[in-house]
Amino acid sequence: MTQIVYAGIGSRATPRPILETMTRMAAWLARRGWHLHSGGAAGADSAFAAGAPAERRTVFLPWPGYRDYRGPDCRTLSPERMRSCLAIAADLHPAWHRCSPAAQRLHARNVAILLGEDADTPVDAVVAWTSQGRIAGGTGMGIRIAHDRRIPVLNLGAIHPRAVCERLEEIRAAAFPGTGRA
């Protein structure tokens, strides 16, 4: 059966109460049948990963051993996949030429988080946090990708967590009509 997938992303500066909410939300979403895509960065990514069991998450890494992430839930892009993700990121980044090679790989990793390892399997929704719901930083790249691919973005910096969960339930119900569950 096809699984329903969300990207859990956000600023490294996400406030502690929001991080705690993200961890609880990830655990709840895993119980509801959702699979997490995230990137292992400090802050929001790690909070989401902490709440989702390894079998219900995929952590996309910009290079092997990033932040000591290891395990069957971790993915590092092949050189070919990295090139295709780099091309997508370059098209969407407002100042690509100013990004270091490491920053470019981090942005390419964001493409994989949103569009899958093959860059052609988009997530069903994005749950994010940015200050006041702004499009900024690496999370901004994720939000730009989502907008470009018409993926719903539920930003905890602008939307109450309960409303985010309600919207995710609607998305899940639409993906699996008549079943009541994924």
C-alpha atoms as a PDB file:
ATOM      1  CA  MET A   1       0.000   0.000   0.000  1.00  0.00           C
ATOM      2  CA  THR A   2       1.166   3.515  -0.729  1.00  0.00           C
ATOM      3  CA  GLN A   3       2.168   5.373   2.393  1.00  0.00           C
ATOM      4  CA  ILE A   4       1.318   8.935   3.291  1.00  0.00           C
ATOM      5  CA  VAL A   5       4.401  11.075   3.857  1.00  0.00           C
ATOM      6  CA  TYR A   6       5.082  14.473   5.396  1.00  0.00           C
ATOM      7  CA  ALA A   7       8.227  16.557   5.554  1.00  0.00           C
ATOM      8  CA  GLY A   8       9.098  17.768   9.040  1.00  0.00           C
ATOM      9  CA  ILE A   9      11.382  20.786   8.666  1.00  0.00           C
ATOM     10  CA  GLY A  10      12.140  24.071  10.360  1.00  0.00           C
ATOM     11  CA  SER A  11      14.643  26.532  11.644  1.00  0.00           C
ATOM     12  CA  ARG A  12      17.571  25.495  13.814  1.00  0.00           C
ATOM     13  CA  ALA A  13      16.391  28.369  16.040  1.00  0.00           C
ATOM     14  CA  THR A  14      12.940  26.865  16.632  1.00  0.00           C
ATOM     15  CA  PRO A  15      11.850  27.701  20.208  1.00  0.00           C
ATOM     16  CA  ARG A  16      11.960  24.843  22.724  1.00  0.00           C
ATOM     17  CA  PRO A  17       8.147  24.694  23.244  1.00  0.00           C
ATOM     18  CA  ILE A  18       7.663  24.296  19.479  1.00  0.00           C
ATOM     19  CA  LEU A  19      10.379  21.603  19.365  1.00  0.00           C
ATOM     20  CA  GLU A  20       8.513  19.709  22.074  1.00  0.00           C
ATOM     21  CA  THR A  21       5.284  20.083  20.089  1.00  0.00           C
ATOM     22  CA  MET A  22       7.041  18.771  16.962  1.00  0.00           C
ATOM     23  CA  THR A  23       8.258  15.672  18.805  1.00  0.00           C
ATOM     24  CA  ARG A  24       4.763  14.943  20.168  1.00  0.00           C
ATOM     25  CA  MET A  25       3.245  15.651  16.750  1.00  0.00           C
ATOM     26  CA  ALA A  26       5.675  13.269  15.015  1.00  0.00           C
ATOM     27  CA  ALA A  27       4.767  10.473  17.445  1.00  0.00           C
ATOM     28  CA  TRP A  28       1.042  11.131  16.906  1.00  0.00           C
ATOM     29  CA  LEU A  29       1.456  11.228  13.123  1.00  0.00           C
ATOM     30  CA  ALA A  30       3.397   7.936  13.172  1.00  0.00           C
ATOM     31  CA  ARG A  31       0.503   6.322  15.057  1.00  0.00           C
ATOM     32  CA  ARG A  32      -1.874   7.748  12.427  1.00  0.00           C
ATOM     33  CA  GLY A  33       0.092   6.084   9.605  1.00  0.00           C
ATOM     34  CA  TRP A  34       2.241   8.997   8.453  1.00  0.00           C
ATOM     35  CA  HIS A  35       5.892   8.534   7.419  1.00  0.00           C
ATOM     36  CA  LEU A  36       8.355  11.354   8.169  1.00  0.00           C
ATOM     37  CA  HIS A  37      10.931  12.787   5.761  1.00  0.00           C
ATOM     38  CA  SER A  38      13.431  15.073   7.452  1.00  0.00           C
ATOM     39  CA  GLY A  39      17.042  16.139   7.200  1.00  0.00           C
ATOM     40  CA  GLY A  40      18.745  15.594  10.524  1.00  0.00           C
ATOM     41  CA  ALA A  41      19.596  19.251  11.133  1.00  0.00           C
ATOM     42  CA  ALA A  42      19.673  20.580  14.684  1.00  0.00           C
ATOM     43  CA  GLY A  43      16.399  22.026  15.900  1.00  0.00           C
ATOM     44  CA  ALA A  44      13.189  21.163  14.091  1.00  0.00           C
ATOM     45  CA  ASP A  45      14.506  18.254  11.980  1.00  0.00           C
ATOM     46  CA  SER A  46      15.902  16.508  15.052  1.00  0.00           C
ATOM     47  CA  ALA A  47      12.731  17.171  17.057  1.00  0.00           C
ATOM     48  CA  PHE A  48      10.570  15.540  14.389  1.00  0.00           C
ATOM     49  CA  ALA A  49      12.987  12.594  14.112  1.00  0.00           C
ATOM     50  CA  ALA A  50      12.942  12.129  17.891  1.00  0.00           C
ATOM     51  CA  GLY A  51       9.183  11.558  17.798  1.00  0.00           C
ATOM     52  CA  ALA A  52       8.978   9.246  14.791  1.00  0.00           C
ATOM     53  CA  PRO A  53      10.150   5.658  15.206  1.00  0.00           C
ATOM     54  CA  ALA A  54      12.943   4.633  12.807  1.00  0.00           C
ATOM     55  CA  GLU A  55      10.562   2.478  10.750  1.00  0.00           C
ATOM     56  CA  ARG A  56       8.274   5.510  10.213  1.00  0.00           C
ATOM     57  CA  ARG A  57      10.944   7.990   9.120  1.00  0.00           C
ATOM     58  CA  THR A  58      13.552   8.653   6.452  1.00  0.00           C
ATOM     59  CA  VAL A  59      16.366  11.062   7.278  1.00  0.00           C
ATOM     60  CA  PHE A  60      18.034  12.488   4.172  1.00  0.00           C
ATOM     61  CA  LEU A  61      21.669  13.425   4.741  1.00  0.00           C
ATOM     62  CA  PRO A  62      23.775  15.838   2.659  1.00  0.00           C
ATOM     63  CA  TRP A  63      26.819  13.561   3.181  1.00  0.00           C
ATOM     64  CA  PRO A  64      27.526  10.324   5.080  1.00  0.00           C
ATOM     65  CA  GLY A  65      27.756  10.734   8.848  1.00  0.00           C
ATOM     66  CA  TYR A  66      26.088  14.164   8.899  1.00  0.00           C
ATOM     67  CA  ARG A  67      25.542  15.028  12.587  1.00  0.00           C
ATOM     68  CA  ASP A  68      26.326  11.375  13.422  1.00  0.00           C
ATOM     69  CA  TYR A  69      23.090  10.112  11.871  1.00  0.00           C
ATOM     70  CA  ARG A  70      23.408   6.451  10.922  1.00  0.00           C
ATOM     71  CA  GLY A  71      21.040   3.577  10.472  1.00  0.00           C
ATOM     72  CA  PRO A  72      18.558   1.998   8.109  1.00  0.00           C
ATOM     73  CA  ASP A  73      16.351   5.114   8.184  1.00  0.00           C
ATOM     74  CA  CYS A  74      19.170   7.351   6.834  1.00  0.00           C
ATOM     75  CA  ARG A  75      19.722   8.062   3.138  1.00  0.00           C
ATOM     76  CA  THR A  76      22.624   9.774   1.413  1.00  0.00           C
ATOM     77  CA  LEU A  77      21.995  10.638  -2.230  1.00  0.00           C
ATOM     78  CA  SER A  78      23.969   8.905  -4.942  1.00  0.00           C
ATOM     79  CA  PRO A  79      26.097  11.250  -7.096  1.00  0.00           C
ATOM     80  CA  GLU A  80      23.481  11.067  -9.873  1.00  0.00           C
ATOM     81  CA  ARG A  81      20.587  11.843  -7.501  1.00  0.00           C
ATOM     82  CA  MET A  82      22.622  14.610  -5.876  1.00  0.00           C
ATOM     83  CA  ARG A  83      23.169  16.255  -9.291  1.00  0.00           C
ATOM     84  CA  SER A  84      19.437  16.227 -10.076  1.00  0.00           C
ATOM     85  CA  CYS A  85      18.582  17.633  -6.631  1.00  0.00           C
ATOM     86  CA  LEU A  86      21.290  20.293  -6.967  1.00  0.00           C
ATOM     87  CA  ALA A  87      19.761  21.391 -10.296  1.00  0.00           C
ATOM     88  CA  ILE A  88      16.295  21.758  -8.745  1.00  0.00           C
ATOM     89  CA  ALA A  89      17.698  23.677  -5.755  1.00  0.00           C
ATOM     90  CA  ALA A  90      19.725  25.977  -8.021  1.00  0.00           C
ATOM     91  CA  ASP A  91      16.573  26.895  -9.960  1.00  0.00           C
ATOM     92  CA  LEU A  92      14.707  27.843  -6.776  1.00  0.00           C
ATOM     93  CA  HIS A  93      17.417  29.520  -4.690  1.00  0.00           C
ATOM     94  CA  PRO A  94      17.517  33.329  -4.926  1.00  0.00           C
ATOM     95  CA  ALA A  95      21.329  33.534  -4.608  1.00  0.00           C
ATOM     96  CA  TRP A  96      22.670  30.106  -5.541  1.00  0.00           C
ATOM     97  CA  HIS A  97      26.000  31.509  -6.725  1.00  0.00           C
ATOM     98  CA  ARG A  98      26.712  32.736  -3.179  1.00  0.00           C
ATOM     99  CA  CYS A  99      26.206  29.312  -1.567  1.00  0.00           C
ATOM    100  CA  SER A 100      29.257  27.272  -0.624  1.00  0.00           C
ATOM    101  CA  PRO A 101      29.430  23.693  -1.949  1.00  0.00           C
ATOM    102  CA  ALA A 102      28.385  22.428   1.516  1.00  0.00           C
ATOM    103  CA  ALA A 103      25.384  24.789   1.590  1.00  0.00           C
ATOM    104  CA  GLN A 104      24.439  23.649  -1.916  1.00  0.00           C
ATOM    105  CA  ARG A 105      24.470  20.011  -0.726  1.00  0.00           C
ATOM    106  CA  LEU A 106      22.285  20.969   2.245  1.00  0.00           C
ATOM    107  CA  HIS A 107      19.796  22.608  -0.131  1.00  0.00           C
ATOM    108  CA  ALA A 108      19.898  19.554  -2.423  1.00  0.00           C
ATOM    109  CA  ARG A 109      19.136  17.440   0.634  1.00  0.00           C
ATOM    110  CA  ASN A 110      16.062  19.663   1.157  1.00  0.00           C
ATOM    111  CA  VAL A 111      14.928  18.735  -2.355  1.00  0.00           C
ATOM    112  CA  ALA A 112      15.160  15.040  -1.437  1.00  0.00           C
ATOM    113  CA  ILE A 113      13.217  15.653   1.794  1.00  0.00           C
ATOM    114  CA  LEU A 114      10.354  17.206  -0.180  1.00  0.00           C
ATOM    115  CA  LEU A 115      10.501  15.246  -3.446  1.00  0.00           C
ATOM    116  CA  GLY A 116      11.997  11.913  -2.379  1.00  0.00           C
ATOM    117  CA  GLU A 117      15.262  10.260  -3.262  1.00  0.00           C
ATOM    118  CA  ASP A 118      14.318  10.168  -6.953  1.00  0.00           C
ATOM    119  CA  ALA A 119      13.176  13.846  -6.862  1.00  0.00           C
ATOM    120  CA  ASP A 120       9.878  12.655  -8.342  1.00  0.00           C
ATOM    121  CA  THR A 121       7.931  11.362  -5.322  1.00  0.00           C
ATOM    122  CA  PRO A 122       6.664  14.431  -3.470  1.00  0.00           C
ATOM    123  CA  VAL A 123       5.517  14.338   0.120  1.00  0.00           C
ATOM    124  CA  ASP A 124       1.816  14.832   0.825  1.00  0.00           C
ATOM    125  CA  ALA A 125       2.354  17.787   3.178  1.00  0.00           C
ATOM    126  CA  VAL A 126       5.020  19.888   4.866  1.00  0.00           C
ATOM    127  CA  VAL A 127       4.985  20.710   8.566  1.00  0.00           C
ATOM    128  CA  ALA A 128       7.462  23.484   9.298  1.00  0.00           C
ATOM    129  CA  TRP A 129       8.367  26.239  11.690  1.00  0.00           C
ATOM    130  CA  THR A 130       9.800  29.584  10.713  1.00  0.00           C
ATOM    131  CA  SER A 131       9.494  32.793  12.697  1.00  0.00           C
ATOM    132  CA  GLN A 132       6.104  34.360  11.938  1.00  0.00           C
ATOM    133  CA  GLY A 133       5.674  31.877   9.073  1.00  0.00           C
ATOM    134  CA  ARG A 134       8.304  33.620   6.928  1.00  0.00           C
ATOM    135  CA  ILE A 135      10.157  32.000   4.039  1.00  0.00           C
ATOM    136  CA  ALA A 136      13.777  32.112   5.197  1.00  0.00           C
ATOM    137  CA  GLY A 137      16.969  30.046   5.343  1.00  0.00           C
ATOM    138  CA  GLY A 138      17.169  26.359   4.533  1.00  0.00           C
ATOM    139  CA  THR A 139      13.559  25.944   5.626  1.00  0.00           C
ATOM    140  CA  GLY A 140      12.715  28.639   3.087  1.00  0.00           C
ATOM    141  CA  MET A 141      14.151  26.386   0.380  1.00  0.00           C
ATOM    142  CA  GLY A 142      11.847  23.600   1.528  1.00  0.00           C
ATOM    143  CA  ILE A 143       8.871  25.954   1.478  1.00  0.00           C
ATOM    144  CA  ARG A 144       9.798  27.227  -2.011  1.00  0.00           C
ATOM    145  CA  ILE A 145      10.003  23.634  -3.271  1.00  0.00           C
ATOM    146  CA  ALA A 146       6.604  22.902  -1.719  1.00  0.00           C
ATOM    147  CA  HIS A 147       5.026  25.989  -3.290  1.00  0.00           C
ATOM    148  CA  ASP A 148       6.596  25.126  -6.662  1.00  0.00           C
ATOM    149  CA  ARG A 149       5.133  21.598  -6.502  1.00  0.00           C
ATOM    150  CA  ARG A 150       1.825  22.664  -4.892  1.00  0.00           C
ATOM    151  CA  ILE A 151       2.466  20.715  -1.708  1.00  0.00           C
ATOM    152  CA  PRO A 152       0.507  22.065   1.284  1.00  0.00           C
ATOM    153  CA  VAL A 153       2.716  23.868   3.834  1.00  0.00           C
ATOM    154  CA  LEU A 154       1.523  23.980   7.433  1.00  0.00           C
ATOM    155  CA  ASN A 155       3.805  26.417   9.235  1.00  0.00           C
ATOM    156  CA  LEU A 156       3.677  26.243  13.026  1.00  0.00           C
ATOM    157  CA  GLY A 157       5.045  29.794  13.049  1.00  0.00           C
ATOM    158  CA  ALA A 158       1.692  30.963  11.693  1.00  0.00           C
ATOM    159  CA  ILE A 159      -0.807  28.135  12.383  1.00  0.00           C
ATOM    160  CA  HIS A 160      -1.821  26.630  15.738  1.00  0.00           C
ATOM    161  CA  PRO A 161      -0.659  23.003  16.165  1.00  0.00           C
ATOM    162  CA  ARG A 162      -4.240  21.753  16.578  1.00  0.00           C
ATOM    163  CA  ALA A 163      -5.187  23.311  13.217  1.00  0.00           C
ATOM    164  CA  VAL A 164      -2.100  21.698  11.638  1.00  0.00           C
ATOM    165  CA  CYS A 165      -3.167  18.274  12.931  1.00  0.00           C
ATOM    166  CA  GLU A 166      -6.732  18.777  11.714  1.00  0.00           C
ATOM    167  CA  ARG A 167      -5.485  19.702   8.242  1.00  0.00           C
ATOM    168  CA  LEU A 168      -3.183  16.669   8.182  1.00  0.00           C
ATOM    169  CA  GLU A 169      -6.153  14.454   9.047  1.00  0.00           C
ATOM    170  CA  GLU A 170      -8.052  15.969   6.094  1.00  0.00           C
ATOM    171  CA  ILE A 171      -5.090  15.303   3.790  1.00  0.00           C
ATOM    172  CA  ARG A 172      -4.844  11.697   5.025  1.00  0.00           C
ATOM    173  CA  ALA A 173      -8.574  11.137   4.591  1.00  0.00           C
ATOM    174  CA  ALA A 174      -8.411  12.499   1.026  1.00  0.00           C
ATOM    175  CA  ALA A 175      -5.440  10.222   0.233  1.00  0.00           C
ATOM    176  CA  PHE A 176      -7.249   7.148   1.558  1.00  0.00           C
ATOM    177  CA  PRO A 177     -10.987   7.807   0.973  1.00  0.00           C
ATOM    178  CA  GLY A 178     -13.477   5.478   2.560  1.00  0.00           C
ATOM    179  CA  THR A 179     -10.934   3.726   4.763  1.00  0.00           C
ATOM    180  CA  GLY A 180     -10.924   6.069   7.732  1.00  0.00           C
ATOM    181  CA  ARG A 181      -7.213   5.384   8.098  1.00  0.00           C
ATOM    182  CA  ALA A 182      -3.999   5.066   6.113  1.00  0.00           C
END
